[in-house]
Amino acid sequence: MSMPGGMEWLLIAFVVLLLFGGKKIPELAKGLGSGIKNFKKAVKDDEDEVAEVKKSDELEKKSEATTADKNESKQV
């Protein structure tokens, strides 16, 4: 299936204009834009949270290794 050409895009735009009217289209575009913005923000927040958890896990592992080394040297 190929991408629509110029005439097809004009026909699609005309049908959208008929269905929603001239006043609703900017509102729909604004809603779509804010939805995309919120989605990107949520993805970024999740990535930041995963990085934070990963960093804290690495610090915890280092702390446990250091504690184990100290305990081992005390036993000797």
Protein backbone atom coordinates (compact mmCIF):
# COMPACT_ATOMS: atom_id res chain seq x y z
CA MET A 1 0.00 0.00 0.00
CA SER A 2 1.49 3.32 -1.04
CA MET A 3 1.33 6.71 0.62
CA PRO A 4 -1.58 8.94 -0.41
CA GLY A 5 -0.80 11.51 -3.09
CA GLY A 6 -1.77 15.18 -3.29
CA MET A 7 -5.39 14.64 -4.36
CA GLU A 8 -5.97 12.02 -1.69
CA TRP A 9 -4.70 14.38 1.02
CA LEU A 10 -7.00 17.13 -0.25
CA LEU A 11 -9.96 14.74 -0.19
CA ILE A 12 -9.09 13.63 3.36
CA ALA A 13 -8.76 17.27 4.49
CA PHE A 14 -12.11 18.11 2.90
CA VAL A 15 -13.86 15.19 4.64
CA VAL A 16 -12.33 16.16 7.99
CA LEU A 17 -13.45 19.76 7.46
CA LEU A 18 -16.98 18.59 6.67
CA LEU A 19 -17.14 16.28 9.68
CA PHE A 20 -15.72 18.58 12.32
CA GLY A 21 -16.20 22.10 10.97
CA GLY A 22 -13.70 24.95 10.89
CA LYS A 23 -13.99 25.83 14.58
CA LYS A 24 -13.40 22.33 15.93
CA ILE A 25 -10.21 21.57 13.98
CA PRO A 26 -7.95 23.95 15.98
CA GLU A 27 -9.38 22.53 19.23
CA LEU A 28 -8.71 18.98 18.03
CA ALA A 29 -5.17 19.90 17.02
CA LYS A 30 -4.58 21.57 20.40
CA GLY A 31 -5.87 18.48 22.22
CA LEU A 32 -3.71 16.22 20.09
CA GLY A 33 -0.65 18.39 20.75
CA SER A 34 -1.20 18.42 24.51
CA GLY A 35 -1.75 14.66 24.47
CA ILE A 36 1.56 14.12 22.69
CA LYS A 37 3.28 16.51 25.12
CA ASN A 38 1.88 14.64 28.14
CA PHE A 39 2.90 11.30 26.64
CA LYS A 40 6.48 12.46 26.06
CA LYS A 41 6.63 13.86 29.61
CA ALA A 42 5.41 10.55 31.06
CA VAL A 43 7.99 8.60 29.04
CA LYS A 44 10.77 10.94 30.22
CA ASP A 45 9.62 10.65 33.84
CA ASP A 46 9.63 6.86 33.59
CA GLU A 47 13.12 6.85 32.07
CA ASP A 48 14.35 9.14 34.86
CA GLU A 49 12.78 6.89 37.50
CA VAL A 50 14.37 3.77 36.00
CA ALA A 51 17.77 5.48 35.91
CA GLU A 52 17.36 6.58 39.53
CA VAL A 53 16.43 3.07 40.70
CA LYS A 54 19.34 1.60 38.76
CA LYS A 55 21.74 4.10 40.32
CA SER A 56 20.47 3.40 43.84
CA ASP A 57 20.78 -0.36 43.23
CA GLU A 58 24.41 0.09 42.15
CA LEU A 59 25.15 2.18 45.25
CA GLU A 60 23.51 -0.45 47.45
CA LYS A 61 25.59 -3.22 45.87
CA LYS A 62 28.78 -1.21 46.42
CA SER A 63 27.79 -0.59 50.03
CA GLU A 64 27.11 -4.28 50.60
CA ALA A 65 30.44 -5.21 49.03
CA THR A 66 32.28 -2.71 51.23
CA THR A 67 30.51 -4.00 54.34
CA ALA A 68 31.36 -7.59 53.40
CA ASP A 69 35.01 -6.64 52.88
CA LYS A 70 35.14 -4.94 56.30
CA ASN A 71 33.55 -7.94 58.00
CA GLU A 72 35.96 -10.31 56.27
CA SER A 73 39.00 -8.28 57.31
CA LYS A 74 37.79 -8.21 60.95
CA GLN A 75 37.55 -11.99 60.99
CA VAL A 76 41.15 -12.43 59.87
